[in-house]
Amino acid sequence: MTRLTVSRKMELTMIRNRLRSLCRLMPLAGLAIVLMAMSSTAQAQNAQAQKKPSAQEMAVAKELTLLIGAADLSKPLIAGVVEQAKVVFLQQNPALSKDLNEVAETVRTELEARISEFTDEVARLYALHFTEEELKEILAFYKSPVGKKMQAQQPLIVNASGQFAQEWASDLSDVALNRIRDELRKKGHNL
């Protein structure tokens, strides 16, 4: 095996690992996209920022966020933030690994106490974008048999989609690397 081949394999492995990390965050990205899509224009955002949801709207919206499991959606965010922080410290000093794992677990637990900030904001966004009557209709759907089935199946679909996306992105990564390498060779670069 030549040195170039080893280098290429290391390059592919690094890219695949980065893509896998990104793909693990895809369900979170989906939530972020949904939340961003709810605020489509700057004017609508300004008008909504001035509107304060009524207590009834907030109560229904909080019930909805509880039913859809918004708190469960925020836990991976917290874990991801802590993991990213660990990487920063590990890059500086790999010998910190054991202590860092213990400290990170403590910090993760502390940050989970802040989940209500996330769920309250999700409830507020729902209350800003939907009337109380619309929120009640959405709740009724999620309480219906098909709504319950959707909730039960959605994590399976998201996980399967994430796994497929990871494999698909890995394949695309290989294609992109090979194509770029071929094109650079055509331009006279010795890769």
Protein backbone atom coordinates (compact mmCIF):
# COMPACT_ATOMS: atom_id res chain seq x y z
CA MET A 1 0.00 0.00 0.00
CA THR A 2 1.51 3.32 -1.02
CA ARG A 3 1.73 6.34 1.19
CA LEU A 4 -0.73 8.16 -1.07
CA THR A 5 -3.31 5.40 -0.64
CA VAL A 6 -2.97 5.52 3.15
CA SER A 7 -3.34 9.30 3.05
CA ARG A 8 -6.43 9.00 0.85
CA LYS A 9 -8.01 6.45 3.18
CA MET A 10 -7.33 8.70 6.17
CA GLU A 11 -8.87 11.63 4.29
CA LEU A 12 -11.98 9.60 3.44
CA THR A 13 -12.30 8.37 7.02
CA MET A 14 -12.09 11.90 8.40
CA ILE A 15 -14.72 13.15 5.97
CA ARG A 16 -17.01 10.20 6.69
CA ASN A 17 -16.70 10.80 10.44
CA ARG A 18 -17.62 14.46 9.97
CA LEU A 19 -20.59 13.52 7.81
CA ARG A 20 -21.75 10.95 10.38
CA SER A 21 -21.62 13.62 13.06
CA LEU A 22 -23.67 15.95 10.90
CA CYS A 23 -26.19 13.23 10.08
CA ARG A 24 -26.73 12.47 13.76
CA LEU A 25 -27.87 16.05 14.12
CA MET A 26 -30.35 15.80 11.22
CA PRO A 27 -33.41 15.22 13.44
CA LEU A 28 -32.44 18.36 15.32
CA ALA A 29 -31.95 20.19 12.08
CA GLY A 30 -35.44 19.11 11.08
CA LEU A 31 -36.84 20.68 14.23
CA ALA A 32 -34.84 23.83 13.57
CA ILE A 33 -36.17 23.97 10.00
CA VAL A 34 -39.74 23.60 11.23
CA LEU A 35 -39.24 26.38 13.75
CA MET A 36 -37.60 28.63 11.15
CA ALA A 37 -40.30 27.93 8.60
CA MET A 38 -42.87 29.15 11.09
CA SER A 39 -41.30 32.62 10.88
CA SER A 40 -41.23 33.22 7.14
CA THR A 41 -40.81 36.99 6.80
CA ALA A 42 -39.17 39.76 8.78
CA GLN A 43 -42.44 41.69 8.92
CA ALA A 44 -44.30 38.72 10.31
CA GLN A 45 -41.57 38.25 12.90
CA ASN A 46 -41.81 41.87 14.01
CA ALA A 47 -45.58 41.71 14.31
CA GLN A 48 -45.39 38.43 16.18
CA ALA A 49 -42.71 39.71 18.53
CA GLN A 50 -45.09 42.47 19.57
CA LYS A 51 -47.98 40.05 20.11
CA LYS A 52 -48.13 38.44 23.50
CA PRO A 53 -50.00 35.13 23.49
CA SER A 54 -52.94 34.92 25.85
CA ALA A 55 -52.80 32.68 28.89
CA GLN A 56 -55.28 30.32 27.20
CA GLU A 57 -53.19 30.15 24.02
CA MET A 58 -50.07 29.45 26.07
CA ALA A 59 -51.82 26.74 28.08
CA VAL A 60 -52.95 24.93 24.94
CA ALA A 61 -49.55 25.44 23.30
CA LYS A 62 -47.76 24.03 26.37
CA GLU A 63 -50.06 21.01 26.33
CA LEU A 64 -49.18 20.54 22.66
CA THR A 65 -45.43 20.79 23.29
CA LEU A 66 -45.76 18.23 26.08
CA LEU A 67 -47.76 15.90 23.84
CA ILE A 68 -45.30 16.14 20.92
CA GLY A 69 -42.33 15.59 23.24
CA ALA A 70 -40.51 18.89 22.76
CA ALA A 71 -38.46 18.19 25.90
CA ASP A 72 -37.22 14.96 24.33
CA LEU A 73 -36.14 16.92 21.27
CA SER A 74 -34.00 19.25 23.35
CA LYS A 75 -32.02 16.54 25.15
CA PRO A 76 -29.92 15.65 22.08
CA LEU A 77 -29.20 19.35 21.66
CA ILE A 78 -27.79 19.50 25.17
CA ALA A 79 -25.79 16.30 24.66
CA GLY A 80 -24.42 17.70 21.38
CA VAL A 81 -23.37 20.97 22.98
CA VAL A 82 -21.56 19.13 25.77
CA GLU A 83 -19.86 16.78 23.29
CA GLN A 84 -18.67 19.74 21.23
CA ALA A 85 -17.27 21.36 24.36
CA LYS A 86 -15.47 18.09 25.24
CA VAL A 87 -13.85 18.02 21.80
CA VAL A 88 -12.46 21.52 22.33
CA PHE A 89 -10.77 20.47 25.57
CA LEU A 90 -9.61 17.11 24.21
CA GLN A 91 -7.96 18.81 21.26
CA GLN A 92 -6.04 20.99 23.69
CA ASN A 93 -5.08 18.13 26.00
CA PRO A 94 -5.98 14.48 25.19
CA ALA A 95 -4.88 13.46 28.70
CA LEU A 96 -8.03 15.11 30.07
CA SER A 97 -10.23 12.33 28.68
CA LYS A 98 -11.14 10.52 31.92
CA ASP A 99 -11.79 13.63 34.00
CA LEU A 100 -13.46 15.34 31.08
CA ASN A 101 -16.01 12.53 30.72
CA GLU A 102 -16.96 12.84 34.40
CA VAL A 103 -17.18 16.63 34.26
CA ALA A 104 -19.15 16.56 31.02
CA GLU A 105 -21.74 14.23 32.55
CA THR A 106 -22.20 16.64 35.47
CA VAL A 107 -22.54 19.62 33.12
CA ARG A 108 -25.00 17.73 30.89
CA THR A 109 -27.19 17.01 33.93
CA GLU A 110 -27.03 20.65 35.00
CA LEU A 111 -27.98 21.87 31.54
CA GLU A 112 -30.92 19.46 31.34
CA ALA A 113 -32.47 21.49 34.15
CA ARG A 114 -32.85 24.24 31.54
CA ILE A 115 -35.05 22.19 29.20
CA SER A 116 -38.08 24.22 30.26
CA GLU A 117 -36.51 27.25 28.52
CA PHE A 118 -36.67 25.32 25.26
CA THR A 119 -40.18 23.94 25.75
CA ASP A 120 -41.52 27.33 26.86
CA GLU A 121 -40.10 28.96 23.72
CA VAL A 122 -41.53 26.23 21.48
CA ALA A 123 -44.92 26.73 23.16
CA ARG A 124 -44.63 30.51 22.67
CA LEU A 125 -43.83 30.02 18.98
CA TYR A 126 -46.85 27.76 18.52
CA ALA A 127 -49.02 30.30 20.33
CA LEU A 128 -47.71 33.09 18.10
CA HIS A 129 -48.32 31.22 14.86
CA PHE A 130 -51.62 29.52 15.63
CA THR A 131 -54.84 30.71 17.16
CA GLU A 132 -56.16 29.00 20.25
CA GLU A 133 -58.74 27.21 18.11
CA GLU A 134 -56.08 26.00 15.67
CA LEU A 135 -53.94 24.77 18.55
CA LYS A 136 -56.91 22.83 19.88
CA GLU A 137 -57.40 21.26 16.45
CA ILE A 138 -53.73 20.28 16.30
CA LEU A 139 -54.00 18.79 19.79
CA ALA A 140 -57.09 16.85 18.73
CA PHE A 141 -55.15 15.43 15.78
CA TYR A 142 -52.24 14.32 17.99
CA LYS A 143 -54.73 12.71 20.39
CA SER A 144 -56.50 10.87 17.54
CA PRO A 145 -55.50 7.31 16.58
CA VAL A 146 -53.66 8.45 13.44
CA GLY A 147 -51.96 11.25 15.39
CA LYS A 148 -50.82 8.77 18.03
CA LYS A 149 -49.59 6.44 15.29
CA MET A 150 -47.70 9.33 13.70
CA GLN A 151 -46.02 10.10 17.02
CA ALA A 152 -45.12 6.46 17.56
CA GLN A 153 -43.74 5.98 14.05
CA GLN A 154 -42.02 9.34 13.66
CA PRO A 155 -38.89 8.48 15.69
CA LEU A 156 -38.47 5.29 13.65
CA ILE A 157 -38.83 7.24 10.42
CA VAL A 158 -36.45 9.98 11.59
CA ASN A 159 -33.86 7.40 12.70
CA ALA A 160 -34.15 5.43 9.48
CA SER A 161 -33.96 8.65 7.48
CA GLY A 162 -30.89 9.70 9.43
CA GLN A 163 -29.21 6.35 8.86
CA PHE A 164 -30.01 6.48 5.15
CA ALA A 165 -28.78 10.08 4.96
CA GLN A 166 -25.53 9.07 6.64
CA GLU A 167 -24.93 6.24 4.16
CA TRP A 168 -26.03 8.39 1.23
CA ALA A 169 -23.77 11.27 2.30
CA SER A 170 -20.86 8.85 2.72
CA ASP A 171 -21.42 7.58 -0.81
CA LEU A 172 -21.69 11.13 -2.14
CA SER A 173 -18.50 12.00 -0.27
CA ASP A 174 -16.64 9.21 -2.06
CA VAL A 175 -18.01 10.34 -5.42
CA ALA A 176 -17.16 13.99 -4.74
CA LEU A 177 -13.62 13.19 -3.58
CA ASN A 178 -12.96 11.00 -6.60
CA ARG A 179 -14.43 13.51 -9.05
CA ILE A 180 -12.52 16.44 -7.56
CA ARG A 181 -9.31 14.40 -7.55
CA ASP A 182 -9.87 13.42 -11.20
CA GLU A 183 -10.54 17.02 -12.25
CA LEU A 184 -7.48 18.28 -10.36
CA ARG A 185 -5.35 15.63 -12.07
CA LYS A 186 -6.64 16.87 -15.44
CA LYS A 187 -5.36 20.29 -14.44
CA GLY A 188 -1.91 18.85 -13.84
CA HIS A 189 -1.94 18.30 -10.09
CA ASN A 190 -0.20 15.13 -8.93
CA LEU A 191 -2.53 13.65 -6.33
